[in-house]
Amino acid sequence: MKLLFVNPVTRYLDNARHVPLGILQLMSIIDRDHRWKQVLYDANAWRLDDFQHGKMKGLQSALRSDDWDYVLIGSLITAYNYIKLA
């Protein structure tokens, strides 16, 4: 099983300040119990996507990098615009 976790941009006009601990906890539990392939695309830290102009190059690259069984994305309401475009 191949899982892609996506941490969306939460505050586009502000710097990234926090590590996505919730996603990392889930990845750790899955790794401990199942040993599935997992990748984290941290859009909030990398800031490769210009979602305000509809350009999602970083996310598209992550999605095309493998044949994912599941893509998991989640965040707070402040990431709604990014998730809507994803």
PDB file of N, CA and C in Angstrom:
ATOM      1  N   MET A   1       0.844  -1.177   0.000  1.00  0.00           N
ATOM      2  CA  MET A   1       0.000   0.000   0.000  1.00  0.00           C
ATOM      3  C   MET A   1       0.889   1.239   0.000  1.00  0.00           C
ATOM      4  N   LYS A   2       0.518   2.225  -0.811  1.00  0.00           N
ATOM      5  CA  LYS A   2       1.279   3.464  -0.931  1.00  0.00           C
ATOM      6  C   LYS A   2       0.392   4.638  -0.515  1.00  0.00           C
ATOM      7  N   LEU A   3       0.877   5.421   0.451  1.00  0.00           N
ATOM      8  CA  LEU A   3       0.107   6.536   0.988  1.00  0.00           C
ATOM      9  C   LEU A   3       0.864   7.846   0.792  1.00  0.00           C
ATOM     10  N   LEU A   4       0.153   8.850   0.307  1.00  0.00           N
ATOM     11  CA  LEU A   4       0.710  10.196   0.201  1.00  0.00           C
ATOM     12  C   LEU A   4      -0.053  11.086   1.170  1.00  0.00           C
ATOM     13  N   PHE A   5       0.653  11.624   2.149  1.00  0.00           N
ATOM     14  CA  PHE A   5       0.071  12.568   3.100  1.00  0.00           C
ATOM     15  C   PHE A   5       0.384  13.979   2.618  1.00  0.00           C
ATOM     16  N   VAL A   6      -0.619  14.838   2.619  1.00  0.00           N
ATOM     17  CA  VAL A   6      -0.437  16.223   2.171  1.00  0.00           C
ATOM     18  C   VAL A   6      -0.753  17.153   3.338  1.00  0.00           C
ATOM     19  N   ASN A   7       0.208  17.978   3.697  1.00  0.00           N
ATOM     20  CA  ASN A   7      -0.010  19.032   4.686  1.00  0.00           C
ATOM     21  C   ASN A   7      -0.213  20.328   3.916  1.00  0.00           C
ATOM     22  N   PRO A   8      -1.453  20.829   3.826  1.00  0.00           N
ATOM     23  CA  PRO A   8      -1.721  21.996   2.996  1.00  0.00           C
ATOM     24  C   PRO A   8      -1.200  23.289   3.609  1.00  0.00           C
ATOM     25  N   VAL A   9      -1.114  24.302   2.767  1.00  0.00           N
ATOM     26  CA  VAL A   9      -0.722  25.637   3.221  1.00  0.00           C
ATOM     27  C   VAL A   9      -1.843  26.172   4.106  1.00  0.00           C
ATOM     28  N   THR A  10      -1.484  26.620   5.307  1.00  0.00           N
ATOM     29  CA  THR A  10      -2.523  27.098   6.218  1.00  0.00           C
ATOM     30  C   THR A  10      -2.678  28.614   6.182  1.00  0.00           C
ATOM     31  N   ARG A  11      -1.591  29.340   6.249  1.00  0.00           N
ATOM     32  CA  ARG A  11      -1.646  30.804   6.162  1.00  0.00           C
ATOM     33  C   ARG A  11      -0.690  31.227   5.058  1.00  0.00           C
ATOM     34  N   TYR A  12      -1.239  31.511   3.891  1.00  0.00           N
ATOM     35  CA  TYR A  12      -0.424  31.739   2.706  1.00  0.00           C
ATOM     36  C   TYR A  12       0.506  32.937   2.851  1.00  0.00           C
ATOM     37  N   LEU A  13       0.066  33.982   3.503  1.00  0.00           N
ATOM     38  CA  LEU A  13       0.861  35.206   3.588  1.00  0.00           C
ATOM     39  C   LEU A  13       1.778  35.234   4.811  1.00  0.00           C
ATOM     40  N   ASP A  14       1.851  34.143   5.544  1.00  0.00           N
ATOM     41  CA  ASP A  14       2.685  34.063   6.735  1.00  0.00           C
ATOM     42  C   ASP A  14       3.695  32.927   6.563  1.00  0.00           C
ATOM     43  N   ASN A  15       4.767  32.956   7.315  1.00  0.00           N
ATOM     44  CA  ASN A  15       5.770  31.896   7.260  1.00  0.00           C
ATOM     45  C   ASN A  15       5.264  30.641   7.958  1.00  0.00           C
ATOM     46  N   ALA A  16       5.756  29.501   7.507  1.00  0.00           N
ATOM     47  CA  ALA A  16       5.444  28.241   8.187  1.00  0.00           C
ATOM     48  C   ALA A  16       6.161  28.231   9.528  1.00  0.00           C
ATOM     49  N   ARG A  17       5.442  27.849  10.574  1.00  0.00           N
ATOM     50  CA  ARG A  17       6.021  27.912  11.908  1.00  0.00           C
ATOM     51  C   ARG A  17       6.010  26.581  12.650  1.00  0.00           C
ATOM     52  N   HIS A  18       5.202  25.645  12.217  1.00  0.00           N
ATOM     53  CA  HIS A  18       5.022  24.426  12.989  1.00  0.00           C
ATOM     54  C   HIS A  18       5.226  23.175  12.134  1.00  0.00           C
ATOM     55  N   VAL A  19       5.716  22.151  12.776  1.00  0.00           N
ATOM     56  CA  VAL A  19       5.853  20.835  12.156  1.00  0.00           C
ATOM     57  C   VAL A  19       4.479  20.163  12.211  1.00  0.00           C
ATOM     58  N   PRO A  20       4.059  19.452  11.162  1.00  0.00           N
ATOM     59  CA  PRO A  20       2.734  18.803  11.174  1.00  0.00           C
ATOM     60  C   PRO A  20       2.735  17.550  12.067  1.00  0.00           C
ATOM     61  N   LEU A  21       2.677  17.769  13.374  1.00  0.00           N
ATOM     62  CA  LEU A  21       2.816  16.671  14.333  1.00  0.00           C
ATOM     63  C   LEU A  21       1.716  15.619  14.202  1.00  0.00           C
ATOM     64  N   GLY A  22       0.507  16.027  13.920  1.00  0.00           N
ATOM     65  CA  GLY A  22      -0.588  15.063  13.787  1.00  0.00           C
ATOM     66  C   GLY A  22      -0.349  14.091  12.642  1.00  0.00           C
ATOM     67  N   ILE A  23       0.047  14.621  11.496  1.00  0.00           N
ATOM     68  CA  ILE A  23       0.331  13.773  10.338  1.00  0.00           C
ATOM     69  C   ILE A  23       1.518  12.862  10.633  1.00  0.00           C
ATOM     70  N   LEU A  24       2.552  13.415  11.257  1.00  0.00           N
ATOM     71  CA  LEU A  24       3.728  12.609  11.575  1.00  0.00           C
ATOM     72  C   LEU A  24       3.406  11.496  12.574  1.00  0.00           C
ATOM     73  N   GLN A  25       2.508  11.766  13.512  1.00  0.00           N
ATOM     74  CA  GLN A  25       2.077  10.715  14.444  1.00  0.00           C
ATOM     75  C   GLN A  25       1.366   9.593  13.704  1.00  0.00           C
ATOM     76  N   LEU A  26       0.452   9.962  12.809  1.00  0.00           N
ATOM     77  CA  LEU A  26      -0.255   8.947  12.029  1.00  0.00           C
ATOM     78  C   LEU A  26       0.711   8.128  11.185  1.00  0.00           C
ATOM     79  N   MET A  27       1.670   8.790  10.573  1.00  0.00           N
ATOM     80  CA  MET A  27       2.653   8.077   9.757  1.00  0.00           C
ATOM     81  C   MET A  27       3.484   7.120  10.607  1.00  0.00           C
ATOM     82  N   SER A  28       3.816   7.536  11.799  1.00  0.00           N
ATOM     83  CA  SER A  28       4.596   6.682  12.697  1.00  0.00           C
ATOM     84  C   SER A  28       3.812   5.446  13.114  1.00  0.00           C
ATOM     85  N   ILE A  29       2.547   5.619  13.425  1.00  0.00           N
ATOM     86  CA  ILE A  29       1.693   4.482  13.817  1.00  0.00           C
ATOM     87  C   ILE A  29       1.532   3.510  12.656  1.00  0.00           C
ATOM     88  N   ILE A  30       1.284   4.045  11.459  1.00  0.00           N
ATOM     89  CA  ILE A  30       1.136   3.185  10.285  1.00  0.00           C
ATOM     90  C   ILE A  30       2.433   2.443  10.001  1.00  0.00           C
ATOM     91  N   ASP A  31       3.558   3.121  10.133  1.00  0.00           N
ATOM     92  CA  ASP A  31       4.852   2.476   9.899  1.00  0.00           C
ATOM     93  C   ASP A  31       5.095   1.358  10.915  1.00  0.00           C
ATOM     94  N   ARG A  32       4.735   1.612  12.153  1.00  0.00           N
ATOM     95  CA  ARG A  32       4.928   0.605  13.203  1.00  0.00           C
ATOM     96  C   ARG A  32       4.062  -0.636  12.958  1.00  0.00           C
ATOM     97  N   ASP A  33       2.833  -0.422  12.521  1.00  0.00           N
ATOM     98  CA  ASP A  33       1.880  -1.522  12.396  1.00  0.00           C
ATOM     99  C   ASP A  33       1.852  -2.189  11.027  1.00  0.00           C
ATOM    100  N   HIS A  34       2.190  -1.470   9.967  1.00  0.00           N
ATOM    101  CA  HIS A  34       1.980  -2.017   8.623  1.00  0.00           C
ATOM    102  C   HIS A  34       3.182  -1.963   7.699  1.00  0.00           C
ATOM    103  N   ARG A  35       4.101  -1.072   7.907  1.00  0.00           N
ATOM    104  CA  ARG A  35       5.273  -0.929   7.030  1.00  0.00           C
ATOM    105  C   ARG A  35       4.896  -0.633   5.579  1.00  0.00           C
ATOM    106  N   TRP A  36       3.883   0.195   5.385  1.00  0.00           N
ATOM    107  CA  TRP A  36       3.503   0.613   4.048  1.00  0.00           C
ATOM    108  C   TRP A  36       4.390   1.770   3.606  1.00  0.00           C
ATOM    109  N   LYS A  37       4.486   1.965   2.288  1.00  0.00           N
ATOM    110  CA  LYS A  37       5.242   3.105   1.772  1.00  0.00           C
ATOM    111  C   LYS A  37       4.443   4.376   2.043  1.00  0.00           C
ATOM    112  N   GLN A  38       5.109   5.371   2.639  1.00  0.00           N
ATOM    113  CA  GLN A  38       4.458   6.627   2.967  1.00  0.00           C
ATOM    114  C   GLN A  38       5.361   7.792   2.578  1.00  0.00           C
ATOM    115  N   VAL A  39       4.748   8.839   2.066  1.00  0.00           N
ATOM    116  CA  VAL A  39       5.480  10.057   1.727  1.00  0.00           C
ATOM    117  C   VAL A  39       4.669  11.239   2.240  1.00  0.00           C
ATOM    118  N   LEU A  40       5.365  12.217   2.796  1.00  0.00           N
ATOM    119  CA  LEU A  40       4.721  13.446   3.243  1.00  0.00           C
ATOM    120  C   LEU A  40       5.091  14.561   2.276  1.00  0.00           C
ATOM    121  N   TYR A  41       4.080  15.178   1.677  1.00  0.00           N
ATOM    122  CA  TYR A  41       4.297  16.399   0.893  1.00  0.00           C
ATOM    123  C   TYR A  41       3.840  17.554   1.777  1.00  0.00           C
ATOM    124  N   ASP A  42       4.788  18.307   2.290  1.00  0.00           N
ATOM    125  CA  ASP A  42       4.493  19.407   3.200  1.00  0.00           C
ATOM    126  C   ASP A  42       4.423  20.714   2.411  1.00  0.00           C
ATOM    127  N   ALA A  43       3.256  20.985   1.869  1.00  0.00           N
ATOM    128  CA  ALA A  43       3.057  22.193   1.066  1.00  0.00           C
ATOM    129  C   ALA A  43       3.231  23.442   1.913  1.00  0.00           C
ATOM    130  N   ASN A  44       2.914  23.349   3.182  1.00  0.00           N
ATOM    131  CA  ASN A  44       3.040  24.502   4.060  1.00  0.00           C
ATOM    132  C   ASN A  44       4.505  24.888   4.267  1.00  0.00           C
ATOM    133  N   ALA A  45       5.386  23.920   4.370  1.00  0.00           N
ATOM    134  CA  ALA A  45       6.807  24.213   4.581  1.00  0.00           C
ATOM    135  C   ALA A  45       7.512  24.595   3.281  1.00  0.00           C
ATOM    136  N   TRP A  46       7.224  23.878   2.198  1.00  0.00           N
ATOM    137  CA  TRP A  46       7.949  24.103   0.945  1.00  0.00           C
ATOM    138  C   TRP A  46       7.457  25.332   0.190  1.00  0.00           C
ATOM    139  N   ARG A  47       6.160  25.593   0.244  1.00  0.00           N
ATOM    140  CA  ARG A  47       5.560  26.752  -0.435  1.00  0.00           C
ATOM    141  C   ARG A  47       5.882  26.795  -1.924  1.00  0.00           C
ATOM    142  N   LEU A  48       5.774  25.653  -2.588  1.00  0.00           N
ATOM    143  CA  LEU A  48       6.020  25.590  -4.032  1.00  0.00           C
ATOM    144  C   LEU A  48       4.783  25.948  -4.845  1.00  0.00           C
ATOM    145  N   ASP A  49       3.608  25.815  -4.228  1.00  0.00           N
ATOM    146  CA  ASP A  49       2.349  26.031  -4.938  1.00  0.00           C
ATOM    147  C   ASP A  49       1.887  27.477  -4.791  1.00  0.00           C
ATOM    148  N   ASP A  50       1.457  28.060  -5.895  1.00  0.00           N
ATOM    149  CA  ASP A  50       0.860  29.386  -5.883  1.00  0.00           C
ATOM    150  C   ASP A  50      -0.636  29.191  -6.108  1.00  0.00           C
ATOM    151  N   PHE A  51      -1.301  28.697  -5.074  1.00  0.00           N
ATOM    152  CA  PHE A  51      -2.700  28.309  -5.249  1.00  0.00           C
ATOM    153  C   PHE A  51      -3.609  29.508  -5.425  1.00  0.00           C
ATOM    154  N   GLN A  52      -3.174  30.704  -5.051  1.00  0.00           N
ATOM    155  CA  GLN A  52      -4.009  31.885  -5.266  1.00  0.00           C
ATOM    156  C   GLN A  52      -4.179  32.179  -6.755  1.00  0.00           C
ATOM    157  N   HIS A  53      -3.236  31.683  -7.562  1.00  0.00           N
ATOM    158  CA  HIS A  53      -3.331  31.842  -9.010  1.00  0.00           C
ATOM    159  C   HIS A  53      -3.584  30.501  -9.708  1.00  0.00           C
ATOM    160  N   GLY A  54      -3.951  29.490  -8.932  1.00  0.00           N
ATOM    161  CA  GLY A  54      -4.298  28.189  -9.494  1.00  0.00           C
ATOM    162  C   GLY A  54      -3.128  27.358  -9.978  1.00  0.00           C
ATOM    163  N   LYS A  55      -1.917  27.657  -9.512  1.00  0.00           N
ATOM    164  CA  LYS A  55      -0.733  26.913  -9.947  1.00  0.00           C
ATOM    165  C   LYS A  55      -0.311  25.963  -8.825  1.00  0.00           C
ATOM    166  N   MET A  56      -0.483  24.678  -9.065  1.00  0.00           N
ATOM    167  CA  MET A  56      -0.215  23.666  -8.045  1.00  0.00           C
ATOM    168  C   MET A  56       0.899  22.728  -8.502  1.00  0.00           C
ATOM    169  N   LYS A  57       2.017  23.280  -8.942  1.00  0.00           N
ATOM    170  CA  LYS A  57       3.106  22.479  -9.497  1.00  0.00           C
ATOM    171  C   LYS A  57       3.684  21.491  -8.488  1.00  0.00           C
ATOM    172  N   GLY A  58       3.877  21.903  -7.266  1.00  0.00           N
ATOM    173  CA  GLY A  58       4.457  21.027  -6.244  1.00  0.00           C
ATOM    174  C   GLY A  58       3.563  19.846  -5.931  1.00  0.00           C
ATOM    175  N   LEU A  59       2.273  20.116  -5.744  1.00  0.00           N
ATOM    176  CA  LEU A  59       1.326  19.048  -5.449  1.00  0.00           C
ATOM    177  C   LEU A  59       1.174  18.125  -6.647  1.00  0.00           C
ATOM    178  N   GLN A  60       1.094  18.677  -7.834  1.00  0.00           N
ATOM    179  CA  GLN A  60       0.980  17.842  -9.031  1.00  0.00           C
ATOM    180  C   GLN A  60       2.193  16.941  -9.181  1.00  0.00           C
ATOM    181  N   SER A  61       3.356  17.463  -8.908  1.00  0.00           N
ATOM    182  CA  SER A  61       4.572  16.660  -8.977  1.00  0.00           C
ATOM    183  C   SER A  61       4.540  15.524  -7.955  1.00  0.00           C
ATOM    184  N   ALA A  62       4.086  15.814  -6.739  1.00  0.00           N
ATOM    185  CA  ALA A  62       3.989  14.780  -5.701  1.00  0.00           C
ATOM    186  C   ALA A  62       2.968  13.718  -6.094  1.00  0.00           C
ATOM    187  N   LEU A  63       1.856  14.124  -6.671  1.00  0.00           N
ATOM    188  CA  LEU A  63       0.821  13.167  -7.078  1.00  0.00           C
ATOM    189  C   LEU A  63       1.299  12.273  -8.215  1.00  0.00           C
ATOM    190  N   ARG A  64       2.100  12.817  -9.114  1.00  0.00           N
ATOM    191  CA  ARG A  64       2.586  12.047 -10.260  1.00  0.00           C
ATOM    192  C   ARG A  64       3.827  11.214  -9.952  1.00  0.00           C
ATOM    193  N   SER A  65       4.423  11.421  -8.791  1.00  0.00           N
ATOM    194  CA  SER A  65       5.690  10.748  -8.479  1.00  0.00           C
ATOM    195  C   SER A  65       5.539   9.247  -8.252  1.00  0.00           C
ATOM    196  N   ASP A  66       4.320   8.772  -8.013  1.00  0.00           N
ATOM    197  CA  ASP A  66       4.102   7.347  -7.788  1.00  0.00           C
ATOM    198  C   ASP A  66       2.640   7.038  -8.044  1.00  0.00           C
ATOM    199  N   ASP A  67       2.292   5.782  -8.050  1.00  0.00           N
ATOM    200  CA  ASP A  67       0.908   5.349  -8.205  1.00  0.00           C
ATOM    201  C   ASP A  67       0.320   5.147  -6.811  1.00  0.00           C
ATOM    202  N   TRP A  68      -0.189   6.228  -6.217  1.00  0.00           N
ATOM    203  CA  TRP A  68      -0.655   6.202  -4.836  1.00  0.00           C
ATOM    204  C   TRP A  68      -1.972   5.456  -4.701  1.00  0.00           C
ATOM    205  N   ASP A  69      -2.089   4.659  -3.647  1.00  0.00           N
ATOM    206  CA  ASP A  69      -3.356   4.011  -3.329  1.00  0.00           C
ATOM    207  C   ASP A  69      -4.303   4.995  -2.646  1.00  0.00           C
ATOM    208  N   TYR A  70      -3.750   5.811  -1.764  1.00  0.00           N
ATOM    209  CA  TYR A  70      -4.544   6.818  -1.058  1.00  0.00           C
ATOM    210  C   TYR A  70      -3.756   8.112  -0.948  1.00  0.00           C
ATOM    211  N   VAL A  71      -4.464   9.223  -1.096  1.00  0.00           N
ATOM    212  CA  VAL A  71      -3.909  10.543  -0.838  1.00  0.00           C
ATOM    213  C   VAL A  71      -4.706  11.112   0.323  1.00  0.00           C
ATOM    214  N   LEU A  72      -4.009  11.407   1.415  1.00  0.00           N
ATOM    215  CA  LEU A  72      -4.660  11.863   2.636  1.00  0.00           C
ATOM    216  C   LEU A  72      -4.339  13.330   2.858  1.00  0.00           C
ATOM    217  N   ILE A  73      -5.370  14.135   3.001  1.00  0.00           N
ATOM    218  CA  ILE A  73      -5.182  15.566   3.183  1.00  0.00           C
ATOM    219  C   ILE A  73      -6.150  16.033   4.262  1.00  0.00           C
ATOM    220  N   GLY A  74      -5.683  16.939   5.070  1.00  0.00           N
ATOM    221  CA  GLY A  74      -6.554  17.472   6.100  1.00  0.00           C
ATOM    222  C   GLY A  74      -5.887  18.617   6.816  1.00  0.00           C
ATOM    223  N   SER A  75      -6.693  19.493   7.362  1.00  0.00           N
ATOM    224  CA  SER A  75      -6.134  20.644   8.052  1.00  0.00           C
ATOM    225  C   SER A  75      -7.260  21.410   8.724  1.00  0.00           C
ATOM    226  N   LEU A  76      -6.971  22.631   9.057  1.00  0.00           N
ATOM    227  CA  LEU A  76      -7.935  23.537   9.654  1.00  0.00           C
ATOM    228  C   LEU A  76      -8.677  24.299   8.567  1.00  0.00           C
ATOM    229  N   ILE A  77      -9.674  25.049   8.963  1.00  0.00           N
ATOM    230  CA  ILE A  77     -10.465  25.818   8.008  1.00  0.00           C
ATOM    231  C   ILE A  77      -9.604  26.847   7.271  1.00  0.00           C
ATOM    232  N   THR A  78      -8.497  27.252   7.856  1.00  0.00           N
ATOM    233  CA  THR A  78      -7.633  28.238   7.200  1.00  0.00           C
ATOM    234  C   THR A  78      -6.966  27.684   5.939  1.00  0.00           C
ATOM    235  N   ALA A  79      -7.020  26.387   5.732  1.00  0.00           N
ATOM    236  CA  ALA A  79      -6.431  25.769   4.537  1.00  0.00           C
ATOM    237  C   ALA A  79      -7.503  25.418   3.503  1.00  0.00           C
ATOM    238  N   TYR A  80      -8.710  25.880   3.680  1.00  0.00           N
ATOM    239  CA  TYR A  80      -9.819  25.507   2.809  1.00  0.00           C
ATOM    240  C   TYR A  80      -9.553  25.817   1.337  1.00  0.00           C
ATOM    241  N   ASN A  81      -9.040  26.988   1.033  1.00  0.00           N
ATOM    242  CA  ASN A  81      -8.805  27.349  -0.371  1.00  0.00           C
ATOM    243  C   ASN A  81      -7.803  26.440  -1.039  1.00  0.00           C
ATOM    244  N   TYR A  82      -6.758  26.058  -0.312  1.00  0.00           N
ATOM    245  CA  TYR A  82      -5.761  25.130  -0.863  1.00  0.00           C
ATOM    246  C   TYR A  82      -6.380  23.757  -1.093  1.00  0.00           C
ATOM    247  N   ILE A  83      -7.116  23.262  -0.125  1.00  0.00           N
ATOM    248  CA  ILE A  83      -7.731  21.937  -0.242  1.00  0.00           C
ATOM    249  C   ILE A  83      -8.745  21.904  -1.361  1.00  0.00           C
ATOM    250  N   LYS A  84      -9.494  22.992  -1.536  1.00  0.00           N
ATOM    251  CA  LYS A  84     -10.491  23.072  -2.597  1.00  0.00           C
ATOM    252  C   LYS A  84      -9.840  22.928  -3.976  1.00  0.00           C
ATOM    253  N   LEU A  85      -8.681  23.532  -4.164  1.00  0.00           N
ATOM    254  CA  LEU A  85      -7.967  23.422  -5.444  1.00  0.00           C
ATOM    255  C   LEU A  85      -7.281  22.070  -5.622  1.00  0.00           C
ATOM    256  N   ALA A  86      -6.901  21.462  -4.511  1.00  0.00           N
ATOM    257  CA  ALA A  86      -6.210  20.180  -4.591  1.00  0.00           C
ATOM    258  C   ALA A  86      -7.142  19.155  -5.160  1.00  0.00           C
TER     259      ALA A  86
END
